[in-house]
Protein backbone atom coordinates (compact mmCIF):
# COMPACT_ATOMS: atom_id res chain seq x y z
CA MET A 1 -16.19 -6.41 8.34
CA GLY A 2 -15.99 -6.69 11.89
CA LEU A 3 -14.40 -10.92 11.19
CA LEU A 4 -12.02 -9.18 8.79
CA ASP A 5 -10.77 -6.78 10.98
CA SER A 6 -9.61 -9.45 13.41
CA ILE A 7 -8.13 -11.39 11.37
CA PHE A 8 -5.91 -8.78 9.40
CA GLY A 9 -5.92 -6.13 11.86
CA LYS A 10 -7.91 -3.24 12.21
CA LYS A 11 -6.08 -0.04 10.97
CA GLU A 12 -5.63 2.37 13.88
CA GLU A 13 -7.73 5.68 13.09
CA TYR A 14 -6.62 8.54 15.64
CA PRO A 15 -7.12 12.18 15.33
CA ASP A 16 -4.61 14.55 14.45
CA LEU A 17 -2.64 16.05 16.87
CA ASP A 18 -3.07 19.77 16.92
CA PRO A 19 0.32 21.23 15.28
CA LYS A 20 0.20 24.13 17.50
CA SER A 21 0.27 22.40 20.93
CA PRO A 22 3.25 21.98 22.66
CA ILE A 23 3.20 18.19 22.21
CA ALA A 24 3.47 18.50 18.54
CA ALA A 25 6.40 21.21 19.01
CA LYS A 26 8.08 18.62 20.84
CA VAL A 27 7.56 16.15 18.17
CA GLU A 28 8.88 18.71 15.40
CA ASP A 29 12.00 18.80 17.74
CA TYR A 30 12.57 15.16 16.89
CA ARG A 31 11.23 15.27 12.76
CA SER A 32 14.61 14.45 11.76
CA GLN A 33 15.50 11.24 13.97
CA LEU A 34 11.79 9.89 13.81
CA GLU A 35 11.93 10.25 10.06
CA ASP A 36 15.15 8.29 10.04
CA LEU A 37 13.52 5.83 12.47
CA SER A 38 10.65 5.15 10.42
CA GLN A 39 12.72 4.80 7.23
CA ARG A 40 14.89 2.00 8.94
CA ALA A 41 12.13 0.72 11.15
CA LYS A 42 9.88 0.10 8.14
CA ASP A 43 7.00 -0.60 11.18
CA ARG A 44 4.40 1.03 13.23
CA LEU A 45 5.89 3.91 15.89
CA GLU A 46 4.65 5.36 18.36
CA ALA A 47 6.19 8.20 20.05
CA VAL A 48 5.55 8.97 23.93
CA PRO A 49 7.35 12.72 24.24
CA ALA A 50 9.43 12.74 27.54
CA ASP A 51 10.94 15.80 29.62
CA ASP A 52 14.57 15.02 28.53
CA GLY A 53 13.57 13.37 25.11
CA MET A 54 11.78 10.85 23.34
CA TYR A 55 10.66 7.18 23.69
CA VAL A 56 9.41 5.46 20.56
CA MET A 57 7.97 2.07 20.64
CA VAL A 58 8.19 0.21 17.23
CA GLY A 59 5.88 -2.83 16.29
CA LYS A 60 2.83 -3.58 17.95
CA PRO A 61 2.57 -2.98 21.55
CA PRO A 62 2.01 -4.49 23.91
CA LYS A 63 2.66 -8.04 22.09
CA GLU A 64 5.39 -7.32 19.81
CA PHE A 65 7.88 -4.15 20.22
CA GLY A 66 10.85 -2.71 20.77
CA VAL A 67 11.90 0.53 22.46
CA VAL A 68 13.89 3.39 20.90
CA TRP A 69 14.60 6.59 23.17
CA TYR A 70 16.72 9.65 22.36
CA GLU A 71 18.90 11.58 24.91
CA GLY A 72 19.05 14.61 23.84
CA HIS A 73 18.85 13.62 19.98
CA GLU A 74 21.22 10.68 20.63
CA GLU A 75 19.41 7.66 19.53
CA HIS A 76 19.62 4.59 22.18
CA ASN A 77 18.24 0.83 21.42
CA PHE A 78 16.69 -1.53 23.90
CA ALA A 79 17.97 -4.43 22.72
CA GLU A 80 21.41 -2.97 21.64
CA VAL A 81 21.93 -2.13 25.33
CA VAL A 82 20.69 -5.08 26.78
CA LYS A 83 22.83 -7.07 24.66
CA GLU A 84 25.94 -4.74 25.25
CA LYS A 85 25.10 -5.17 29.23
CA GLY A 86 25.28 -8.62 28.89
CA ILE A 87 21.76 -8.91 30.89
CA GLY A 88 20.87 -12.53 30.92
CA GLY A 89 17.49 -13.98 29.44
CA GLY A 90 15.22 -13.70 32.59
CA ARG A 91 16.04 -10.42 33.21
CA VAL A 92 15.40 -9.91 29.77
CA GLU A 93 12.19 -11.30 30.05
CA GLU A 94 11.29 -9.26 33.42
CA LEU A 95 12.17 -5.84 32.12
CA SER A 96 9.97 -6.94 28.58
CA ARG A 97 7.24 -7.41 30.94
CA GLU A 98 7.73 -4.43 32.98
CA LEU A 99 7.94 -2.63 29.00
CA LYS A 100 4.58 -4.07 28.65
CA GLU A 101 2.85 -3.52 31.66
CA ALA A 102 4.15 0.14 31.71
CA TYR A 103 2.21 0.30 27.96
CA GLU A 104 -0.74 -1.54 29.20
CA ALA A 105 -1.66 0.96 32.08
CA SER A 106 -1.68 3.51 29.29
CA ALA A 107 -4.26 1.85 27.17
CA GLU A 108 -7.01 4.04 27.42
CA LEU A 109 -5.03 7.29 27.12
CA PRO A 110 -5.32 9.46 24.07
CA ARG A 111 -3.43 8.78 21.09
CA TYR A 112 -3.02 10.83 18.34
CA SER A 113 -2.10 10.51 14.73
CA TYR A 114 1.14 13.24 13.21
CA SER A 115 2.69 12.89 9.98
CA LEU A 116 5.96 12.53 9.25
CA GLY A 117 6.20 13.15 5.35
CA ASP A 118 4.40 10.38 3.88
CA GLN A 119 4.18 8.18 7.11
CA LYS A 120 1.86 8.42 10.10
CA ILE A 121 2.89 8.08 13.36
CA VAL A 122 0.95 7.36 16.64
CA VAL A 123 2.16 10.27 19.62
CA THR A 124 1.07 9.40 22.96
CA PRO A 125 1.33 12.32 25.64
CA ALA A 126 1.40 10.39 28.78
CA PRO A 127 3.90 11.47 31.21
CA LYS A 128 3.15 8.85 33.51
CA LEU A 129 4.31 6.06 30.67
CA ALA A 130 7.03 8.47 29.72
CA GLY A 131 7.93 8.07 33.27
CA ARG A 132 7.85 4.55 33.82
CA LEU A 133 9.85 3.84 30.97
CA ASP A 134 12.39 6.03 32.41
CA GLU A 135 12.60 4.01 35.09
CA VAL A 136 12.67 0.88 33.08
CA VAL A 137 15.47 2.18 30.65
CA HIS A 138 17.36 3.22 33.94
CA GLU A 139 17.64 0.08 35.15
CA VAL A 140 19.23 -1.40 31.76
CA THR A 141 21.52 1.65 31.28
CA ALA A 142 22.92 1.67 35.07
């Protein structure tokens, strides 16, 4: 089975997030946005609750992923902001590397599974990761 897992990719197994936890309450606050995103993205979602919003990695971090974030309940997309701001290729690569490094630094943190209707997302309660994502996003949006 190990060989097949490495070829086809092992399905992630995380414990369920306690529905009574403060983190679950934060995710529930963004349920409609996350359900909408999961329908549009059709890819793995990993939510990282932040003090003032929610970050979501779309795809398979740290290799290939995008970042969506919610300030209040308004959605922002890293790729769209980079395009709107006219940020060049070298700077985009640098910012992408920073996002990847931030994610990799949180690799050992606990992750949980959370049901959104018929889909499950991964939730990573990681204030340090959220803080680093804040820094990178504010570099782009400033």
